Amino acid sequence: MKYYLLRESTDLKITGHFPQSIDAKHNCHVWDEPNFIEHHELTPIDFEPIVSNAILHNKAKLTDIISTSGIGFTRKLLVSNKLKNIIQDSTDKLDVQFFKSHILYKEQIIDDYWIVYCNKSFSEFINLHKSTVKLRKRKPEGGTYLENIFFENYYSFEHYMIENKLEGKLFFSNIYLSDNIENDFFALKNVEGGIKYVVSEKLKQKIERAGCTGVEFQPSELSYSEWITPNGQREKVYGKA
């Protein structure tokens, strides 16, 4: 089955402004509060976390995924009730949690938005023999470059990364996934961009049939630079941003 990385749209005709969220209302001390959702990632949450509320630009349009930036939404998705229900119906309830997070838009409170929180990563689904692993290295004269590295399995990849303190520098690109996956929605860590959310072809079609807006689907086997290159696959599917 084909898989896609779920992305927020960058098309201003759809979003009005990018990112749609320009600030956030925080409901706690963002550094000292242990229950603030920003301090949790890819581990189960057994309490009601404190969330932030996205403040949208006046030119932004309401879509089913809201592009966010800043504390409270780091490497997380902010989705409408409509999209939340589609994802929830297509996933293991133990692996994905949803936390209500209303948004502030033109002095109104829009109540039906949720933070999607995956409490585990399924990076072991990655086919290491077909995917690309890149290591960002420093040049003697300054700057960095990317070097391809091969690993036999995910355990050896993770061991090498931890042993050499390479988190954020060693990552998967051009991601191919195993053939025997039953999940339709899951998170991957240690990938280009940090954490990515993956949907199956089946779930992609369900989201598209529902008419969800602000959503783009990047084929997982494409790197981000390949995806956004002028006249590339993104433009062919969604047009110029």
C-alpha atoms as a PDB file:
ATOM      1  CA  MET A   1       0.000   0.000   0.000  1.00  0.00           C
ATOM      2  CA  LYS A   2       1.130   3.540  -0.708  1.00  0.00           C
ATOM      3  CA  TYR A   3       1.704   5.917   2.214  1.00  0.00           C
ATOM      4  CA  TYR A   4       1.770   9.695   2.526  1.00  0.00           C
ATOM      5  CA  LEU A   5       3.050  12.313   4.936  1.00  0.00           C
ATOM      6  CA  LEU A   6       0.182  14.475   6.130  1.00  0.00           C
ATOM      7  CA  ARG A   7       1.091  18.131   5.625  1.00  0.00           C
ATOM      8  CA  GLU A   8      -0.548  21.522   6.156  1.00  0.00           C
ATOM      9  CA  SER A   9      -1.319  23.381   2.950  1.00  0.00           C
ATOM     10  CA  THR A  10       0.913  26.321   2.040  1.00  0.00           C
ATOM     11  CA  ASP A  11      -1.480  27.558  -0.658  1.00  0.00           C
ATOM     12  CA  LEU A  12      -2.632  31.037   0.348  1.00  0.00           C
ATOM     13  CA  LYS A  13      -5.773  30.661  -1.754  1.00  0.00           C
ATOM     14  CA  ILE A  14      -6.786  27.943   0.702  1.00  0.00           C
ATOM     15  CA  THR A  15      -5.218  29.118   3.974  1.00  0.00           C
ATOM     16  CA  GLY A  16      -5.361  32.915   3.522  1.00  0.00           C
ATOM     17  CA  HIS A  17      -2.107  33.254   5.443  1.00  0.00           C
ATOM     18  CA  PHE A  18       0.801  30.940   6.221  1.00  0.00           C
ATOM     19  CA  PRO A  19       1.125  29.935   8.892  1.00  0.00           C
ATOM     20  CA  GLN A  20      -2.496  30.491   9.799  1.00  0.00           C
ATOM     21  CA  SER A  21      -1.619  30.769  13.486  1.00  0.00           C
ATOM     22  CA  ILE A  22       0.590  33.750  14.337  1.00  0.00           C
ATOM     23  CA  ASP A  23       0.557  33.504  18.123  1.00  0.00           C
ATOM     24  CA  ALA A  24      -0.916  31.478  20.964  1.00  0.00           C
ATOM     25  CA  LYS A  25      -2.669  32.042  24.260  1.00  0.00           C
ATOM     26  CA  HIS A  26      -0.860  30.011  26.902  1.00  0.00           C
ATOM     27  CA  ASN A  27      -2.780  28.744  29.905  1.00  0.00           C
ATOM     28  CA  CYS A  28       0.159  28.011  32.193  1.00  0.00           C
ATOM     29  CA  HIS A  29       3.827  28.802  32.702  1.00  0.00           C
ATOM     30  CA  VAL A  30       5.215  27.256  29.537  1.00  0.00           C
ATOM     31  CA  TRP A  31       8.573  26.242  31.033  1.00  0.00           C
ATOM     32  CA  ASP A  32       7.703  25.205  34.582  1.00  0.00           C
ATOM     33  CA  GLU A  33       4.350  23.425  34.204  1.00  0.00           C
ATOM     34  CA  PRO A  34       4.971  19.658  33.828  1.00  0.00           C
ATOM     35  CA  ASN A  35       1.446  19.033  32.535  1.00  0.00           C
ATOM     36  CA  PHE A  36       1.873  21.435  29.598  1.00  0.00           C
ATOM     37  CA  ILE A  37       1.486  19.402  26.423  1.00  0.00           C
ATOM     38  CA  GLU A  38       4.631  20.915  24.903  1.00  0.00           C
ATOM     39  CA  HIS A  39       6.715  18.861  27.360  1.00  0.00           C
ATOM     40  CA  HIS A  40       5.264  15.549  26.150  1.00  0.00           C
ATOM     41  CA  GLU A  41       5.985  13.700  22.942  1.00  0.00           C
ATOM     42  CA  LEU A  42       5.487  10.107  21.781  1.00  0.00           C
ATOM     43  CA  THR A  43       4.673   8.798  25.263  1.00  0.00           C
ATOM     44  CA  PRO A  44       1.181   8.017  26.612  1.00  0.00           C
ATOM     45  CA  ILE A  45      -0.540  10.786  28.583  1.00  0.00           C
ATOM     46  CA  ASP A  46      -2.726   9.539  31.449  1.00  0.00           C
ATOM     47  CA  PHE A  47      -3.970  12.974  32.547  1.00  0.00           C
ATOM     48  CA  GLU A  48      -5.670  15.952  30.911  1.00  0.00           C
ATOM     49  CA  PRO A  49      -2.758  18.065  29.638  1.00  0.00           C
ATOM     50  CA  ILE A  50      -2.771  21.852  29.610  1.00  0.00           C
ATOM     51  CA  VAL A  51      -2.923  23.071  26.022  1.00  0.00           C
ATOM     52  CA  SER A  52      -2.399  26.406  24.330  1.00  0.00           C
ATOM     53  CA  ASN A  53      -4.908  28.118  22.059  1.00  0.00           C
ATOM     54  CA  ALA A  54      -3.820  29.150  18.591  1.00  0.00           C
ATOM     55  CA  ILE A  55      -4.442  32.776  17.604  1.00  0.00           C
ATOM     56  CA  LEU A  56      -5.099  33.058  13.872  1.00  0.00           C
ATOM     57  CA  HIS A  57      -4.062  35.861  11.557  1.00  0.00           C
ATOM     58  CA  ASN A  58      -7.030  37.990  10.474  1.00  0.00           C
ATOM     59  CA  LYS A  59      -6.430  36.988   6.853  1.00  0.00           C
ATOM     60  CA  ALA A  60      -6.305  33.283   7.687  1.00  0.00           C
ATOM     61  CA  LYS A  61      -9.104  30.981   6.595  1.00  0.00           C
ATOM     62  CA  LEU A  62     -10.524  28.183   8.712  1.00  0.00           C
ATOM     63  CA  THR A  63      -9.433  24.791   7.373  1.00  0.00           C
ATOM     64  CA  ASP A  64      -9.476  21.240   8.678  1.00  0.00           C
ATOM     65  CA  ILE A  65      -5.764  21.398   9.474  1.00  0.00           C
ATOM     66  CA  ILE A  66      -4.429  24.646  10.909  1.00  0.00           C
ATOM     67  CA  SER A  67      -0.784  25.490  10.256  1.00  0.00           C
ATOM     68  CA  THR A  68       0.780  26.520  13.560  1.00  0.00           C
ATOM     69  CA  SER A  69       4.124  27.694  14.861  1.00  0.00           C
ATOM     70  CA  GLY A  70       5.673  28.070  18.273  1.00  0.00           C
ATOM     71  CA  ILE A  71       5.312  26.632  21.744  1.00  0.00           C
ATOM     72  CA  GLY A  72       2.277  24.488  22.435  1.00  0.00           C
ATOM     73  CA  PHE A  73       2.108  22.977  18.960  1.00  0.00           C
ATOM     74  CA  THR A  74       5.669  21.824  18.280  1.00  0.00           C
ATOM     75  CA  ARG A  75       5.603  18.749  16.007  1.00  0.00           C
ATOM     76  CA  LYS A  76       1.872  18.263  16.613  1.00  0.00           C
ATOM     77  CA  LEU A  77      -1.237  18.548  14.439  1.00  0.00           C
ATOM     78  CA  LEU A  78      -4.156  20.917  15.080  1.00  0.00           C
ATOM     79  CA  VAL A  79      -7.265  19.611  13.325  1.00  0.00           C
ATOM     80  CA  SER A  80     -10.990  20.233  13.100  1.00  0.00           C
ATOM     81  CA  ASN A  81     -13.602  18.020  14.680  1.00  0.00           C
ATOM     82  CA  LYS A  82     -14.409  16.670  11.204  1.00  0.00           C
ATOM     83  CA  LEU A  83     -10.862  15.514  10.483  1.00  0.00           C
ATOM     84  CA  LYS A  84     -10.361  14.324  14.055  1.00  0.00           C
ATOM     85  CA  ASN A  85     -13.331  11.969  13.715  1.00  0.00           C
ATOM     86  CA  ILE A  86     -12.026  10.548  10.430  1.00  0.00           C
ATOM     87  CA  ILE A  87      -8.595   9.879  11.934  1.00  0.00           C
ATOM     88  CA  GLN A  88     -10.093   8.502  15.144  1.00  0.00           C
ATOM     89  CA  ASP A  89     -12.256   6.032  13.205  1.00  0.00           C
ATOM     90  CA  SER A  90      -9.178   4.795  11.297  1.00  0.00           C
ATOM     91  CA  THR A  91      -6.663   4.296  14.059  1.00  0.00           C
ATOM     92  CA  ASP A  92      -5.905   2.298  17.170  1.00  0.00           C
ATOM     93  CA  LYS A  93      -7.428   4.296  20.029  1.00  0.00           C
ATOM     94  CA  LEU A  94      -4.506   3.296  22.264  1.00  0.00           C
ATOM     95  CA  ASP A  95      -1.877   4.859  19.987  1.00  0.00           C
ATOM     96  CA  VAL A  96      -3.472   8.232  19.240  1.00  0.00           C
ATOM     97  CA  GLN A  97      -5.002  10.693  21.705  1.00  0.00           C
ATOM     98  CA  PHE A  98      -6.964  13.881  21.020  1.00  0.00           C
ATOM     99  CA  PHE A  99      -7.066  16.949  23.260  1.00  0.00           C
ATOM    100  CA  LYS A 100      -9.521  19.814  22.805  1.00  0.00           C
ATOM    101  CA  SER A 101      -7.804  23.070  21.890  1.00  0.00           C
ATOM    102  CA  HIS A 102     -10.092  25.882  20.759  1.00  0.00           C
ATOM    103  CA  ILE A 103      -8.705  28.554  18.474  1.00  0.00           C
ATOM    104  CA  LEU A 104      -9.042  32.343  18.641  1.00  0.00           C
ATOM    105  CA  TYR A 105     -10.069  33.942  15.375  1.00  0.00           C
ATOM    106  CA  LYS A 106     -11.224  37.512  14.818  1.00  0.00           C
ATOM    107  CA  GLU A 107     -12.192  37.868  18.487  1.00  0.00           C
ATOM    108  CA  GLN A 108     -14.231  34.669  18.363  1.00  0.00           C
ATOM    109  CA  ILE A 109     -13.632  31.338  20.071  1.00  0.00           C
ATOM    110  CA  ILE A 110     -13.832  28.447  17.590  1.00  0.00           C
ATOM    111  CA  ASP A 111     -14.406  25.464  19.801  1.00  0.00           C
ATOM    112  CA  ASP A 112     -14.230  22.398  17.566  1.00  0.00           C
ATOM    113  CA  TYR A 113     -10.446  21.943  17.159  1.00  0.00           C
ATOM    114  CA  TRP A 114      -8.185  19.277  18.599  1.00  0.00           C
ATOM    115  CA  ILE A 115      -4.493  18.537  19.051  1.00  0.00           C
ATOM    116  CA  VAL A 116      -3.614  15.148  17.601  1.00  0.00           C
ATOM    117  CA  TYR A 117      -1.157  13.460  19.942  1.00  0.00           C
ATOM    118  CA  CYS A 118       0.513  10.205  18.902  1.00  0.00           C
ATOM    119  CA  ASN A 119       1.872   8.496  22.001  1.00  0.00           C
ATOM    120  CA  LYS A 120       4.307   6.207  20.197  1.00  0.00           C
ATOM    121  CA  SER A 121       6.395   6.059  17.040  1.00  0.00           C
ATOM    122  CA  PHE A 122       6.284   3.275  14.484  1.00  0.00           C
ATOM    123  CA  SER A 123       9.657   3.971  12.884  1.00  0.00           C
ATOM    124  CA  GLU A 124      10.300   0.221  12.864  1.00  0.00           C
ATOM    125  CA  PHE A 125       7.831   0.162   9.920  1.00  0.00           C
ATOM    126  CA  ILE A 126      10.497   1.853   7.763  1.00  0.00           C
ATOM    127  CA  ASN A 127      12.103  -0.357   5.131  1.00  0.00           C
ATOM    128  CA  LEU A 128      15.780   0.492   5.669  1.00  0.00           C
ATOM    129  CA  HIS A 129      16.921  -1.287   2.523  1.00  0.00           C
ATOM    130  CA  LYS A 130      14.882   1.017   0.287  1.00  0.00           C
ATOM    131  CA  SER A 131      14.780   4.241   2.328  1.00  0.00           C
ATOM    132  CA  THR A 132      17.542   6.822   2.530  1.00  0.00           C
ATOM    133  CA  VAL A 133      19.343   7.646   5.789  1.00  0.00           C
ATOM    134  CA  LYS A 134      21.171  10.958   5.901  1.00  0.00           C
ATOM    135  CA  LEU A 135      23.691  12.328   8.376  1.00  0.00           C
ATOM    136  CA  ARG A 136      24.222  16.062   8.623  1.00  0.00           C
ATOM    137  CA  LYS A 137      27.951  16.758   9.058  1.00  0.00           C
ATOM    138  CA  ARG A 138      29.947  19.926   9.523  1.00  0.00           C
ATOM    139  CA  LYS A 139      32.383  21.207   6.929  1.00  0.00           C
ATOM    140  CA  PRO A 140      35.835  22.301   8.174  1.00  0.00           C
ATOM    141  CA  GLU A 141      35.307  25.688   6.528  1.00  0.00           C
ATOM    142  CA  GLY A 142      31.843  26.112   8.083  1.00  0.00           C
ATOM    143  CA  GLY A 143      28.381  25.059   7.069  1.00  0.00           C
ATOM    144  CA  THR A 144      27.055  21.529   6.766  1.00  0.00           C
ATOM    145  CA  TYR A 145      26.491  18.801   4.195  1.00  0.00           C
ATOM    146  CA  LEU A 146      24.466  15.587   4.061  1.00  0.00           C
ATOM    147  CA  GLU A 147      26.032  12.155   3.794  1.00  0.00           C
ATOM    148  CA  ASN A 148      24.133   8.938   3.037  1.00  0.00           C
ATOM    149  CA  ILE A 149      24.613   6.094   5.548  1.00  0.00           C
ATOM    150  CA  PHE A 150      23.325   2.502   5.419  1.00  0.00           C
ATOM    151  CA  PHE A 151      21.968   0.456   8.338  1.00  0.00           C
ATOM    152  CA  GLU A 152      20.871  -3.161   8.324  1.00  0.00           C
ATOM    153  CA  ASN A 153      17.882  -2.612  10.644  1.00  0.00           C
ATOM    154  CA  TYR A 154      16.178   0.011  12.775  1.00  0.00           C
ATOM    155  CA  TYR A 155      17.843  -1.226  15.972  1.00  0.00           C
ATOM    156  CA  SER A 156      21.318  -0.565  14.544  1.00  0.00           C
ATOM    157  CA  PHE A 157      20.180   2.873  13.333  1.00  0.00           C
ATOM    158  CA  GLU A 158      18.849   3.873  16.762  1.00  0.00           C
ATOM    159  CA  HIS A 159      21.859   2.410  18.606  1.00  0.00           C
ATOM    160  CA  TYR A 160      24.266   4.356  16.375  1.00  0.00           C
ATOM    161  CA  MET A 161      22.274   7.579  16.810  1.00  0.00           C
ATOM    162  CA  ILE A 162      22.140   7.315  20.616  1.00  0.00           C
ATOM    163  CA  GLU A 163      25.737   6.131  20.988  1.00  0.00           C
ATOM    164  CA  ASN A 164      27.039   9.062  18.938  1.00  0.00           C
ATOM    165  CA  LYS A 165      24.518  11.659  20.183  1.00  0.00           C
ATOM    166  CA  LEU A 166      23.215  12.321  16.679  1.00  0.00           C
ATOM    167  CA  GLU A 167      19.530  12.989  17.385  1.00  0.00           C
ATOM    168  CA  GLY A 168      18.354  15.608  14.909  1.00  0.00           C
ATOM    169  CA  LYS A 169      21.420  15.054  12.722  1.00  0.00           C
ATOM    170  CA  LEU A 170      20.736  11.469  11.622  1.00  0.00           C
ATOM    171  CA  PHE A 171      17.379  10.985   9.936  1.00  0.00           C
ATOM    172  CA  PHE A 172      15.336   9.116   7.347  1.00  0.00           C
ATOM    173  CA  SER A 173      14.506  10.664   3.990  1.00  0.00           C
ATOM    174  CA  ASN A 174      12.769   9.125   0.945  1.00  0.00           C
ATOM    175  CA  ILE A 175      10.825   6.837   3.265  1.00  0.00           C
ATOM    176  CA  TYR A 176       9.628   3.454   2.053  1.00  0.00           C
ATOM    177  CA  LEU A 177       7.501   1.407   4.423  1.00  0.00           C
ATOM    178  CA  SER A 178       7.113  -2.314   4.991  1.00  0.00           C
ATOM    179  CA  ASP A 179       4.450  -4.234   3.094  1.00  0.00           C
ATOM    180  CA  ASN A 180       2.702  -5.834   6.059  1.00  0.00           C
ATOM    181  CA  ILE A 181       1.450  -2.707   7.866  1.00  0.00           C
ATOM    182  CA  GLU A 182      -2.155  -2.696   9.046  1.00  0.00           C
ATOM    183  CA  ASN A 183      -2.145   0.843  10.501  1.00  0.00           C
ATOM    184  CA  ASP A 184      -3.800   3.629   8.497  1.00  0.00           C
ATOM    185  CA  PHE A 185      -2.439   6.490  10.641  1.00  0.00           C
ATOM    186  CA  PHE A 186       0.756   6.624  12.694  1.00  0.00           C
ATOM    187  CA  ALA A 187       3.743   8.773  13.616  1.00  0.00           C
ATOM    188  CA  LEU A 188       7.384   8.344  12.617  1.00  0.00           C
ATOM    189  CA  LYS A 189      10.296   9.839  14.536  1.00  0.00           C
ATOM    190  CA  ASN A 190      13.885  10.431  13.417  1.00  0.00           C
ATOM    191  CA  VAL A 191      12.698  11.481   9.976  1.00  0.00           C
ATOM    192  CA  GLU A 192      13.342  14.577   7.907  1.00  0.00           C
ATOM    193  CA  GLY A 193      11.678  17.368   9.890  1.00  0.00           C
ATOM    194  CA  GLY A 194      11.754  15.462  13.198  1.00  0.00           C
ATOM    195  CA  ILE A 195       8.343  13.783  13.489  1.00  0.00           C
ATOM    196  CA  LYS A 196       5.935  13.089  10.647  1.00  0.00           C
ATOM    197  CA  TYR A 197       2.373  11.809  10.532  1.00  0.00           C
ATOM    198  CA  VAL A 198       1.668   9.089   7.990  1.00  0.00           C
ATOM    199  CA  VAL A 199      -1.614   8.115   6.345  1.00  0.00           C
ATOM    200  CA  SER A 200      -2.392   5.118   4.156  1.00  0.00           C
ATOM    201  CA  GLU A 201      -3.859   5.393   0.668  1.00  0.00           C
ATOM    202  CA  LYS A 202      -7.168   4.205   2.133  1.00  0.00           C
ATOM    203  CA  LEU A 203      -7.250   6.956   4.771  1.00  0.00           C
ATOM    204  CA  LYS A 204      -6.096   9.559   2.241  1.00  0.00           C
ATOM    205  CA  GLN A 205      -9.056   8.740   0.022  1.00  0.00           C
ATOM    206  CA  LYS A 206     -11.427   8.908   2.984  1.00  0.00           C
ATOM    207  CA  ILE A 207     -10.122  12.379   3.939  1.00  0.00           C
ATOM    208  CA  GLU A 208     -10.398  13.588   0.339  1.00  0.00           C
ATOM    209  CA  ARG A 209     -13.930  12.222  -0.103  1.00  0.00           C
ATOM    210  CA  ALA A 210     -14.967  14.102   3.058  1.00  0.00           C
ATOM    211  CA  GLY A 211     -13.772  17.347   1.456  1.00  0.00           C
ATOM    212  CA  CYS A 212     -11.282  18.209   4.201  1.00  0.00           C
ATOM    213  CA  THR A 213      -9.454  21.466   3.512  1.00  0.00           C
ATOM    214  CA  GLY A 214      -5.930  22.686   4.230  1.00  0.00           C
ATOM    215  CA  VAL A 215      -4.541  19.162   3.782  1.00  0.00           C
ATOM    216  CA  GLU A 216      -1.760  17.980   1.479  1.00  0.00           C
ATOM    217  CA  PHE A 217      -0.401  14.467   1.027  1.00  0.00           C
ATOM    218  CA  GLN A 218       3.308  14.111   0.273  1.00  0.00           C
ATOM    219  CA  PRO A 219       4.269  10.633  -0.989  1.00  0.00           C
ATOM    220  CA  SER A 220       6.528   9.254   1.726  1.00  0.00           C
ATOM    221  CA  GLU A 221       9.177   8.117  -0.760  1.00  0.00           C
ATOM    222  CA  LEU A 222       9.840  11.723  -1.801  1.00  0.00           C
ATOM    223  CA  SER A 223      12.187  13.940   0.197  1.00  0.00           C
ATOM    224  CA  TYR A 224      10.895  17.382   1.158  1.00  0.00           C
ATOM    225  CA  SER A 225      13.128  19.089  -1.420  1.00  0.00           C
ATOM    226  CA  GLU A 226      11.849  16.744  -4.131  1.00  0.00           C
ATOM    227  CA  TRP A 227       8.273  17.442  -3.035  1.00  0.00           C
ATOM    228  CA  ILE A 228       8.496  21.246  -3.186  1.00  0.00           C
ATOM    229  CA  THR A 229      10.833  21.615  -6.171  1.00  0.00           C
ATOM    230  CA  PRO A 230       9.421  23.957  -8.868  1.00  0.00           C
ATOM    231  CA  ASN A 231       7.350  22.018 -11.423  1.00  0.00           C
ATOM    232  CA  GLY A 232       7.641  18.985  -9.134  1.00  0.00           C
ATOM    233  CA  GLN A 233       5.093  16.554  -7.754  1.00  0.00           C
ATOM    234  CA  ARG A 234       3.496  18.998  -5.312  1.00  0.00           C
ATOM    235  CA  GLU A 235       2.768  21.565  -8.005  1.00  0.00           C
ATOM    236  CA  LYS A 236       1.372  18.870 -10.298  1.00  0.00           C
ATOM    237  CA  VAL A 237      -1.123  17.804  -7.620  1.00  0.00           C
ATOM    238  CA  TYR A 238      -1.925  21.059  -5.777  1.00  0.00           C
ATOM    239  CA  GLY A 239      -0.658  23.857  -8.027  1.00  0.00           C
ATOM    240  CA  LYS A 240       1.738  26.642  -7.064  1.00  0.00           C
ATOM    241  CA  ALA A 241       1.599  27.694  -3.426  1.00  0.00           C
END
